[in-house]
Amino acid sequence: MADGEPSQSGRKRQVKTGVGTVTVNSKQAKKLGLKKGTQISPVISKCCWVLSANESYQQAEKDLELLTGIKVGHSSIHRLVGSIPVLQ
């Protein structure tokens, strides 16, 4: 990845990003800072958090798809919001 060549090692997974769904392997995911098992990029996660703060999870799902063209289910949005660490 660093020298322009795609890395072929590691298990591949689909990640929803701001530019669409991208296939990355575990080595690339680590370099990008994605947590193990994550299928949604940090940018899309942030969009989900912001949308769900002002409306229902179902409406956030619809608005996210309308704004970005990326579908993330309302249950996934609910799990994402529940995983935000509480600031003290």
N, C-alpha and C. Protein backbone atom coordinates (compact mmCIF):
# COMPACT_ATOMS: atom_id res chain seq x y z
N MET A 1 0.82 -1.18 0.00
CA MET A 1 0.00 0.00 0.00
C MET A 1 0.86 1.25 0.00
N ALA A 2 1.97 1.25 0.72
CA ALA A 2 2.81 2.43 0.83
C ALA A 2 3.52 2.75 -0.48
N ASP A 3 3.91 1.72 -1.24
CA ASP A 3 4.64 1.96 -2.47
C ASP A 3 3.75 1.85 -3.71
N GLY A 4 2.46 2.03 -3.56
CA GLY A 4 1.55 2.02 -4.68
C GLY A 4 1.03 0.65 -5.05
N GLU A 5 1.63 -0.38 -4.53
CA GLU A 5 1.19 -1.74 -4.81
C GLU A 5 0.15 -2.16 -3.79
N PRO A 6 -0.98 -2.73 -4.23
CA PRO A 6 -1.96 -3.20 -3.26
C PRO A 6 -1.43 -4.40 -2.49
N SER A 7 -1.63 -4.40 -1.19
CA SER A 7 -1.19 -5.50 -0.35
C SER A 7 -2.16 -6.66 -0.49
N GLN A 8 -1.67 -7.86 -0.64
CA GLN A 8 -2.52 -9.02 -0.89
C GLN A 8 -2.68 -9.92 0.33
N SER A 9 -1.97 -9.64 1.42
CA SER A 9 -2.02 -10.53 2.57
C SER A 9 -3.18 -10.18 3.49
N GLY A 10 -3.62 -11.18 4.25
CA GLY A 10 -4.66 -10.96 5.24
C GLY A 10 -6.05 -11.24 4.71
N ARG A 11 -6.97 -11.37 5.64
CA ARG A 11 -8.37 -11.64 5.31
C ARG A 11 -9.03 -10.37 4.79
N LYS A 12 -9.81 -10.50 3.73
CA LYS A 12 -10.46 -9.34 3.12
C LYS A 12 -11.84 -9.11 3.71
N ARG A 13 -12.23 -7.83 3.77
CA ARG A 13 -13.57 -7.47 4.23
C ARG A 13 -14.03 -6.21 3.52
N GLN A 14 -15.32 -6.01 3.50
CA GLN A 14 -15.93 -4.85 2.89
C GLN A 14 -16.12 -3.78 3.96
N VAL A 15 -15.74 -2.55 3.65
CA VAL A 15 -15.90 -1.43 4.57
C VAL A 15 -16.67 -0.33 3.85
N LYS A 16 -17.75 0.14 4.49
CA LYS A 16 -18.53 1.24 3.93
C LYS A 16 -17.82 2.54 4.27
N THR A 17 -17.46 3.30 3.22
CA THR A 17 -16.73 4.55 3.40
C THR A 17 -17.48 5.70 2.75
N GLY A 18 -16.94 6.89 2.86
CA GLY A 18 -17.55 8.06 2.25
C GLY A 18 -17.55 8.03 0.73
N VAL A 19 -16.72 7.17 0.14
CA VAL A 19 -16.66 7.06 -1.32
C VAL A 19 -17.29 5.77 -1.83
N GLY A 20 -17.96 5.05 -0.95
CA GLY A 20 -18.60 3.79 -1.33
C GLY A 20 -18.02 2.63 -0.55
N THR A 21 -18.36 1.43 -0.96
CA THR A 21 -17.86 0.23 -0.30
C THR A 21 -16.50 -0.14 -0.88
N VAL A 22 -15.54 -0.35 0.02
CA VAL A 22 -14.16 -0.63 -0.37
C VAL A 22 -13.75 -1.96 0.25
N THR A 23 -13.01 -2.77 -0.51
CA THR A 23 -12.48 -4.02 0.01
C THR A 23 -11.08 -3.77 0.54
N VAL A 24 -10.85 -4.14 1.80
CA VAL A 24 -9.53 -4.00 2.41
C VAL A 24 -9.17 -5.32 3.08
N ASN A 25 -7.88 -5.58 3.18
CA ASN A 25 -7.46 -6.77 3.93
C ASN A 25 -7.09 -6.33 5.34
N SER A 26 -6.76 -7.28 6.19
CA SER A 26 -6.51 -6.96 7.59
C SER A 26 -5.30 -6.05 7.77
N LYS A 27 -4.30 -6.20 6.93
CA LYS A 27 -3.10 -5.36 7.02
C LYS A 27 -3.45 -3.90 6.66
N GLN A 28 -4.24 -3.72 5.61
CA GLN A 28 -4.66 -2.37 5.22
C GLN A 28 -5.56 -1.75 6.27
N ALA A 29 -6.45 -2.56 6.83
CA ALA A 29 -7.37 -2.06 7.86
C ALA A 29 -6.59 -1.57 9.07
N LYS A 30 -5.55 -2.28 9.43
CA LYS A 30 -4.72 -1.87 10.56
C LYS A 30 -4.04 -0.53 10.27
N LYS A 31 -3.51 -0.37 9.06
CA LYS A 31 -2.86 0.89 8.67
C LYS A 31 -3.84 2.05 8.65
N LEU A 32 -5.10 1.76 8.32
CA LEU A 32 -6.13 2.80 8.27
C LEU A 32 -6.74 3.09 9.64
N GLY A 33 -6.37 2.29 10.63
CA GLY A 33 -6.88 2.51 11.98
C GLY A 33 -8.26 1.96 12.23
N LEU A 34 -8.71 1.00 11.41
CA LEU A 34 -10.02 0.40 11.60
C LEU A 34 -9.95 -0.68 12.67
N LYS A 35 -10.93 -0.69 13.56
CA LYS A 35 -10.96 -1.71 14.60
C LYS A 35 -11.31 -3.05 13.98
N LYS A 36 -10.88 -4.12 14.63
CA LYS A 36 -11.13 -5.47 14.14
C LYS A 36 -12.64 -5.71 14.01
N GLY A 37 -13.07 -6.19 12.87
CA GLY A 37 -14.48 -6.51 12.64
C GLY A 37 -15.34 -5.33 12.20
N THR A 38 -14.78 -4.13 12.19
CA THR A 38 -15.54 -2.94 11.80
C THR A 38 -15.83 -2.96 10.31
N GLN A 39 -17.07 -2.67 9.95
CA GLN A 39 -17.45 -2.64 8.54
C GLN A 39 -17.88 -1.24 8.11
N ILE A 40 -17.76 -0.28 9.01
CA ILE A 40 -18.16 1.09 8.72
C ILE A 40 -16.99 2.01 9.06
N SER A 41 -16.64 2.90 8.13
CA SER A 41 -15.50 3.79 8.35
C SER A 41 -15.81 4.81 9.45
N PRO A 42 -14.77 5.39 10.04
CA PRO A 42 -14.99 6.41 11.07
C PRO A 42 -15.81 7.60 10.59
N VAL A 43 -15.66 7.99 9.34
CA VAL A 43 -16.42 9.13 8.80
C VAL A 43 -17.91 8.80 8.73
N ILE A 44 -18.24 7.62 8.24
CA ILE A 44 -19.65 7.21 8.17
C ILE A 44 -20.21 7.04 9.58
N SER A 45 -19.40 6.51 10.50
CA SER A 45 -19.84 6.39 11.89
C SER A 45 -20.21 7.76 12.46
N LYS A 46 -19.37 8.74 12.20
CA LYS A 46 -19.63 10.09 12.70
C LYS A 46 -20.92 10.65 12.10
N CYS A 47 -21.15 10.40 10.82
CA CYS A 47 -22.40 10.84 10.18
C CYS A 47 -23.60 10.19 10.87
N CYS A 48 -23.48 8.91 11.19
CA CYS A 48 -24.56 8.19 11.89
C CYS A 48 -24.82 8.82 13.25
N TRP A 49 -23.75 9.14 13.98
CA TRP A 49 -23.89 9.74 15.31
C TRP A 49 -24.62 11.08 15.23
N VAL A 50 -24.21 11.91 14.29
CA VAL A 50 -24.80 13.24 14.16
C VAL A 50 -26.27 13.15 13.76
N LEU A 51 -26.57 12.31 12.77
CA LEU A 51 -27.96 12.19 12.31
C LEU A 51 -28.86 11.63 13.40
N SER A 52 -28.39 10.62 14.12
CA SER A 52 -29.25 9.99 15.13
C SER A 52 -29.42 10.87 16.37
N ALA A 53 -28.56 11.87 16.56
CA ALA A 53 -28.70 12.77 17.70
C ALA A 53 -29.93 13.67 17.55
N ASN A 54 -30.34 13.90 16.33
CA ASN A 54 -31.44 14.83 16.08
C ASN A 54 -32.74 14.17 15.63
N GLU A 55 -32.72 12.86 15.45
CA GLU A 55 -33.91 12.18 14.95
C GLU A 55 -33.86 10.70 15.32
N SER A 56 -34.86 9.96 14.90
CA SER A 56 -34.91 8.52 15.21
C SER A 56 -33.86 7.77 14.40
N TYR A 57 -33.56 6.55 14.83
CA TYR A 57 -32.59 5.73 14.11
C TYR A 57 -33.11 5.38 12.72
N GLN A 58 -34.40 5.15 12.59
CA GLN A 58 -34.98 4.85 11.28
C GLN A 58 -34.83 6.04 10.33
N GLN A 59 -35.09 7.24 10.84
CA GLN A 59 -34.96 8.43 10.00
C GLN A 59 -33.50 8.70 9.68
N ALA A 60 -32.60 8.44 10.63
CA ALA A 60 -31.16 8.61 10.38
C ALA A 60 -30.71 7.67 9.27
N GLU A 61 -31.24 6.45 9.26
CA GLU A 61 -30.92 5.48 8.19
C GLU A 61 -31.32 6.04 6.83
N LYS A 62 -32.53 6.57 6.74
CA LYS A 62 -33.02 7.12 5.47
C LYS A 62 -32.22 8.35 5.05
N ASP A 63 -31.94 9.24 6.01
CA ASP A 63 -31.20 10.46 5.68
C ASP A 63 -29.77 10.17 5.26
N LEU A 64 -29.13 9.21 5.92
CA LEU A 64 -27.76 8.83 5.56
C LEU A 64 -27.71 8.31 4.12
N GLU A 65 -28.67 7.47 3.77
CA GLU A 65 -28.71 6.95 2.40
C GLU A 65 -28.99 8.06 1.39
N LEU A 66 -29.86 8.99 1.75
CA LEU A 66 -30.17 10.11 0.87
C LEU A 66 -28.95 11.02 0.68
N LEU A 67 -28.24 11.30 1.75
CA LEU A 67 -27.11 12.23 1.68
C LEU A 67 -25.84 11.62 1.09
N THR A 68 -25.59 10.34 1.39
CA THR A 68 -24.32 9.73 0.97
C THR A 68 -24.47 8.62 -0.06
N GLY A 69 -25.67 8.07 -0.19
CA GLY A 69 -25.86 6.93 -1.08
C GLY A 69 -25.44 5.62 -0.43
N ILE A 70 -25.10 5.66 0.85
CA ILE A 70 -24.64 4.46 1.56
C ILE A 70 -25.70 4.03 2.55
N LYS A 71 -26.08 2.76 2.48
CA LYS A 71 -27.12 2.24 3.36
C LYS A 71 -26.50 1.59 4.58
N VAL A 72 -26.89 2.10 5.74
CA VAL A 72 -26.51 1.51 7.03
C VAL A 72 -27.82 1.33 7.78
N GLY A 73 -28.10 0.12 8.20
CA GLY A 73 -29.36 -0.18 8.86
C GLY A 73 -29.53 0.54 10.19
N HIS A 74 -30.79 0.78 10.57
CA HIS A 74 -31.05 1.50 11.81
C HIS A 74 -30.54 0.72 13.03
N SER A 75 -30.52 -0.60 12.96
CA SER A 75 -29.97 -1.39 14.07
C SER A 75 -28.46 -1.18 14.19
N SER A 76 -27.78 -1.08 13.05
CA SER A 76 -26.34 -0.82 13.07
C SER A 76 -26.05 0.57 13.62
N ILE A 77 -26.88 1.54 13.26
CA ILE A 77 -26.72 2.90 13.78
C ILE A 77 -26.91 2.89 15.29
N HIS A 78 -27.91 2.15 15.76
CA HIS A 78 -28.17 2.06 17.20
C HIS A 78 -26.96 1.46 17.93
N ARG A 79 -26.36 0.42 17.38
CA ARG A 79 -25.16 -0.18 17.98
C ARG A 79 -23.99 0.79 17.98
N LEU A 80 -23.82 1.53 16.89
CA LEU A 80 -22.74 2.53 16.81
C LEU A 80 -22.88 3.59 17.89
N VAL A 81 -24.09 4.11 18.03
CA VAL A 81 -24.34 5.16 19.01
C VAL A 81 -24.12 4.61 20.42
N GLY A 82 -24.48 3.37 20.66
CA GLY A 82 -24.30 2.77 21.97
C GLY A 82 -22.84 2.53 22.30
N SER A 83 -21.97 2.51 21.29
CA SER A 83 -20.55 2.24 21.52
C SER A 83 -19.74 3.51 21.76
N ILE A 84 -20.38 4.69 21.72
CA ILE A 84 -19.66 5.94 21.94
C ILE A 84 -19.29 6.03 23.42
N PRO A 85 -18.02 6.26 23.73
CA PRO A 85 -17.65 6.42 25.14
C PRO A 85 -18.27 7.70 25.72
N VAL A 86 -18.76 7.61 26.91
CA VAL A 86 -19.40 8.75 27.56
C VAL A 86 -18.33 9.70 28.09
N LEU A 87 -18.44 10.96 27.74
CA LEU A 87 -17.49 11.97 28.24
C LEU A 87 -17.89 12.40 29.64
N GLN A 88 -16.91 12.63 30.48
CA GLN A 88 -17.23 13.02 31.85
C GLN A 88 -16.72 14.40 32.14
